[in-house]
Amino acid sequence: MDKQLLRPRELHTEPEQPDSASVFNFWLRTVGDFISTLQELRRDNDPEVNKKRIIINCLSPAVYPHVEEAETDAQQGGGHFPPPTIS
């Protein structure tokens, strides 16, 4: 039987909110589990799972600018935090 995959919910929180870190950590865990499941279902000749594309598709329009800004800072050698690891 084929597995039915449920797409993770969209991350929608403001960084200034008191619970934003816990909301982000939960969201990151669900996205990581989703990506792991996709990788497990991959066949040998399938292309690699594009983690970045999946993550961006799970962000709300209000959150994306914060990620884009952090990504730009990291590419320029700056940044305030290391990117989270999704295995």
N, C-alpha and C. Protein backbone atom coordinates (compact mmCIF):
# COMPACT_ATOMS: atom_id res chain seq x y z
N MET A 1 0.84 -1.18 0.00
CA MET A 1 0.00 0.00 0.00
C MET A 1 0.88 1.25 0.00
N ASP A 2 0.50 2.23 -0.80
CA ASP A 2 1.24 3.49 -0.86
C ASP A 2 0.99 4.30 0.40
N LYS A 3 2.04 4.98 0.84
CA LYS A 3 1.88 5.87 1.99
C LYS A 3 1.25 7.17 1.53
N GLN A 4 0.36 7.69 2.34
CA GLN A 4 -0.21 9.00 2.05
C GLN A 4 0.56 10.01 2.86
N LEU A 5 1.09 11.01 2.20
CA LEU A 5 1.89 12.02 2.88
C LEU A 5 1.06 13.26 3.13
N LEU A 6 1.16 13.76 4.34
CA LEU A 6 0.51 15.00 4.68
C LEU A 6 1.55 16.10 4.70
N ARG A 7 1.32 17.10 3.90
CA ARG A 7 2.25 18.24 3.85
C ARG A 7 2.23 18.97 5.19
N PRO A 8 3.40 19.36 5.68
CA PRO A 8 3.44 20.11 6.94
C PRO A 8 2.67 21.42 6.81
N ARG A 9 2.16 21.88 7.93
CA ARG A 9 1.47 23.17 7.93
C ARG A 9 2.45 24.29 7.63
N GLU A 10 1.91 25.36 7.14
CA GLU A 10 2.70 26.54 6.83
C GLU A 10 3.16 27.21 8.13
N LEU A 11 4.42 27.61 8.17
CA LEU A 11 4.92 28.35 9.34
C LEU A 11 4.41 29.77 9.25
N HIS A 12 3.67 30.16 10.27
CA HIS A 12 3.11 31.51 10.29
C HIS A 12 3.23 32.03 11.72
N THR A 13 4.31 32.73 11.98
CA THR A 13 4.53 33.34 13.30
C THR A 13 5.40 34.57 13.10
N GLU A 14 5.28 35.50 13.99
CA GLU A 14 6.13 36.68 13.96
C GLU A 14 7.28 36.49 14.94
N PRO A 15 8.50 36.84 14.55
CA PRO A 15 9.66 36.64 15.43
C PRO A 15 9.52 37.32 16.79
N GLU A 16 8.73 38.38 16.86
CA GLU A 16 8.59 39.11 18.12
C GLU A 16 7.65 38.44 19.10
N GLN A 17 6.87 37.47 18.65
CA GLN A 17 5.91 36.80 19.53
C GLN A 17 6.64 35.96 20.58
N PRO A 18 6.14 35.92 21.81
CA PRO A 18 6.81 35.18 22.87
C PRO A 18 6.96 33.68 22.59
N ASP A 19 6.03 33.09 21.84
CA ASP A 19 6.10 31.65 21.58
C ASP A 19 6.69 31.32 20.20
N SER A 20 7.28 32.29 19.53
CA SER A 20 7.77 32.05 18.16
C SER A 20 8.84 30.96 18.11
N ALA A 21 9.70 30.87 19.10
CA ALA A 21 10.75 29.84 19.08
C ALA A 21 10.14 28.44 19.19
N SER A 22 9.18 28.26 20.06
CA SER A 22 8.57 26.93 20.19
C SER A 22 7.74 26.58 18.96
N VAL A 23 7.05 27.57 18.38
CA VAL A 23 6.29 27.33 17.15
C VAL A 23 7.26 26.94 16.03
N PHE A 24 8.37 27.65 15.91
CA PHE A 24 9.36 27.34 14.88
C PHE A 24 9.96 25.96 15.09
N ASN A 25 10.33 25.61 16.33
CA ASN A 25 10.92 24.29 16.59
C ASN A 25 9.97 23.16 16.24
N PHE A 26 8.69 23.32 16.58
CA PHE A 26 7.70 22.30 16.22
C PHE A 26 7.56 22.20 14.70
N TRP A 27 7.46 23.34 14.04
CA TRP A 27 7.33 23.35 12.59
C TRP A 27 8.55 22.69 11.93
N LEU A 28 9.75 23.03 12.43
CA LEU A 28 10.97 22.47 11.86
C LEU A 28 10.99 20.95 12.01
N ARG A 29 10.52 20.45 13.13
CA ARG A 29 10.46 19.00 13.35
C ARG A 29 9.50 18.35 12.36
N THR A 30 8.32 18.95 12.14
CA THR A 30 7.36 18.35 11.20
C THR A 30 7.89 18.39 9.77
N VAL A 31 8.56 19.46 9.39
CA VAL A 31 9.14 19.54 8.05
C VAL A 31 10.28 18.52 7.91
N GLY A 32 11.11 18.40 8.95
CA GLY A 32 12.19 17.42 8.91
C GLY A 32 11.67 16.00 8.76
N ASP A 33 10.60 15.67 9.49
CA ASP A 33 9.99 14.34 9.37
C ASP A 33 9.42 14.13 7.98
N PHE A 34 8.80 15.15 7.42
CA PHE A 34 8.25 15.08 6.07
C PHE A 34 9.36 14.80 5.05
N ILE A 35 10.45 15.53 5.15
CA ILE A 35 11.58 15.35 4.23
C ILE A 35 12.18 13.96 4.39
N SER A 36 12.32 13.49 5.63
CA SER A 36 12.85 12.14 5.87
C SER A 36 11.97 11.08 5.21
N THR A 37 10.66 11.24 5.33
CA THR A 37 9.74 10.29 4.70
C THR A 37 9.89 10.32 3.18
N LEU A 38 10.00 11.51 2.61
CA LEU A 38 10.20 11.61 1.16
C LEU A 38 11.49 10.91 0.74
N GLN A 39 12.55 11.07 1.53
CA GLN A 39 13.82 10.44 1.20
C GLN A 39 13.71 8.92 1.31
N GLU A 40 12.96 8.43 2.29
CA GLU A 40 12.78 6.98 2.43
C GLU A 40 12.00 6.40 1.26
N LEU A 41 11.07 7.16 0.72
CA LEU A 41 10.24 6.68 -0.39
C LEU A 41 10.92 6.81 -1.75
N ARG A 42 12.03 7.53 -1.77
CA ARG A 42 12.77 7.73 -3.02
C ARG A 42 13.25 6.40 -3.59
N ARG A 43 13.16 6.27 -4.87
CA ARG A 43 13.76 5.11 -5.53
C ARG A 43 15.17 5.48 -5.95
N ASP A 44 15.97 4.49 -6.24
CA ASP A 44 17.38 4.72 -6.56
C ASP A 44 17.59 5.70 -7.71
N ASN A 45 16.73 5.65 -8.71
CA ASN A 45 16.93 6.52 -9.88
C ASN A 45 16.21 7.87 -9.76
N ASP A 46 15.52 8.11 -8.65
CA ASP A 46 14.84 9.39 -8.44
C ASP A 46 15.85 10.47 -8.07
N PRO A 47 15.56 11.71 -8.44
CA PRO A 47 16.46 12.79 -8.04
C PRO A 47 16.42 13.01 -6.52
N GLU A 48 17.45 13.64 -6.02
CA GLU A 48 17.51 13.96 -4.58
C GLU A 48 16.34 14.85 -4.20
N VAL A 49 15.93 14.75 -2.97
CA VAL A 49 14.87 15.60 -2.44
C VAL A 49 15.43 17.01 -2.27
N ASN A 50 14.74 18.00 -2.82
CA ASN A 50 15.18 19.38 -2.73
C ASN A 50 14.63 19.98 -1.43
N LYS A 51 15.43 19.93 -0.37
CA LYS A 51 15.00 20.37 0.95
C LYS A 51 14.62 21.85 0.97
N LYS A 52 15.41 22.66 0.31
CA LYS A 52 15.16 24.10 0.32
C LYS A 52 13.81 24.42 -0.30
N ARG A 53 13.49 23.78 -1.41
CA ARG A 53 12.21 24.03 -2.07
C ARG A 53 11.04 23.63 -1.18
N ILE A 54 11.18 22.50 -0.51
CA ILE A 54 10.12 22.04 0.40
C ILE A 54 9.92 23.04 1.53
N ILE A 55 11.02 23.47 2.13
CA ILE A 55 10.93 24.41 3.25
C ILE A 55 10.28 25.72 2.81
N ILE A 56 10.69 26.26 1.69
CA ILE A 56 10.12 27.52 1.21
C ILE A 56 8.63 27.37 0.94
N ASN A 57 8.22 26.23 0.42
CA ASN A 57 6.80 26.00 0.15
C ASN A 57 5.97 25.86 1.42
N CYS A 58 6.63 25.70 2.56
CA CYS A 58 5.92 25.56 3.84
C CYS A 58 6.01 26.83 4.68
N LEU A 59 6.38 27.94 4.08
CA LEU A 59 6.46 29.21 4.80
C LEU A 59 5.31 30.12 4.36
N SER A 60 4.81 30.88 5.31
CA SER A 60 3.79 31.87 4.94
C SER A 60 4.48 33.07 4.30
N PRO A 61 3.73 33.85 3.54
CA PRO A 61 4.31 35.05 2.93
C PRO A 61 4.87 36.02 3.96
N ALA A 62 4.33 36.03 5.17
CA ALA A 62 4.81 36.93 6.22
C ALA A 62 6.15 36.48 6.79
N VAL A 63 6.44 35.17 6.75
CA VAL A 63 7.67 34.63 7.33
C VAL A 63 8.80 34.62 6.30
N TYR A 64 8.48 34.39 5.04
CA TYR A 64 9.51 34.24 4.01
C TYR A 64 10.54 35.37 3.98
N PRO A 65 10.15 36.65 4.09
CA PRO A 65 11.17 37.71 4.05
C PRO A 65 12.25 37.56 5.13
N HIS A 66 11.88 37.02 6.30
CA HIS A 66 12.87 36.82 7.36
C HIS A 66 13.87 35.74 6.96
N VAL A 67 13.39 34.70 6.32
CA VAL A 67 14.27 33.62 5.87
C VAL A 67 15.15 34.10 4.73
N GLU A 68 14.56 34.84 3.81
CA GLU A 68 15.33 35.38 2.68
C GLU A 68 16.44 36.31 3.17
N GLU A 69 16.12 37.14 4.16
CA GLU A 69 17.12 38.05 4.72
C GLU A 69 18.25 37.28 5.40
N ALA A 70 17.90 36.26 6.17
CA ALA A 70 18.92 35.46 6.84
C ALA A 70 19.78 34.71 5.84
N GLU A 71 19.17 34.21 4.77
CA GLU A 71 19.91 33.50 3.74
C GLU A 71 20.88 34.44 3.02
N THR A 72 20.44 35.65 2.72
CA THR A 72 21.30 36.64 2.07
C THR A 72 22.48 37.00 2.98
N ASP A 73 22.21 37.22 4.27
CA ASP A 73 23.28 37.51 5.23
C ASP A 73 24.29 36.37 5.29
N ALA A 74 23.81 35.15 5.31
CA ALA A 74 24.70 33.99 5.39
C ALA A 74 25.56 33.87 4.13
N GLN A 75 24.97 34.15 2.98
CA GLN A 75 25.73 34.08 1.72
C GLN A 75 26.82 35.16 1.67
N GLN A 76 26.60 36.26 2.36
CA GLN A 76 27.56 37.35 2.38
C GLN A 76 28.55 37.22 3.54
N GLY A 77 28.50 36.10 4.23
CA GLY A 77 29.45 35.86 5.31
C GLY A 77 29.01 36.40 6.65
N GLY A 78 27.83 36.94 6.72
CA GLY A 78 27.32 37.48 7.99
C GLY A 78 26.34 36.52 8.61
N GLY A 79 25.30 37.06 9.12
CA GLY A 79 24.27 36.23 9.73
C GLY A 79 24.41 36.23 11.23
N HIS A 80 23.29 36.03 11.88
CA HIS A 80 23.28 36.07 13.33
C HIS A 80 23.15 34.70 13.96
N PHE A 81 22.83 33.72 13.17
CA PHE A 81 22.64 32.39 13.72
C PHE A 81 22.94 31.37 12.62
N PRO A 82 23.38 30.18 13.01
CA PRO A 82 23.60 29.15 12.00
C PRO A 82 22.25 28.61 11.51
N PRO A 83 22.17 28.20 10.25
CA PRO A 83 20.91 27.65 9.77
C PRO A 83 20.60 26.33 10.48
N PRO A 84 19.33 26.04 10.70
CA PRO A 84 18.99 24.78 11.37
C PRO A 84 19.32 23.60 10.48
N THR A 85 19.64 22.49 11.09
CA THR A 85 19.98 21.29 10.37
C THR A 85 18.74 20.41 10.24
N ILE A 86 18.44 20.04 9.02
CA ILE A 86 17.34 19.12 8.78
C ILE A 86 17.95 17.87 8.17
N SER A 87 17.82 16.78 8.88
CA SER A 87 18.41 15.53 8.38
C SER A 87 17.43 14.74 7.57
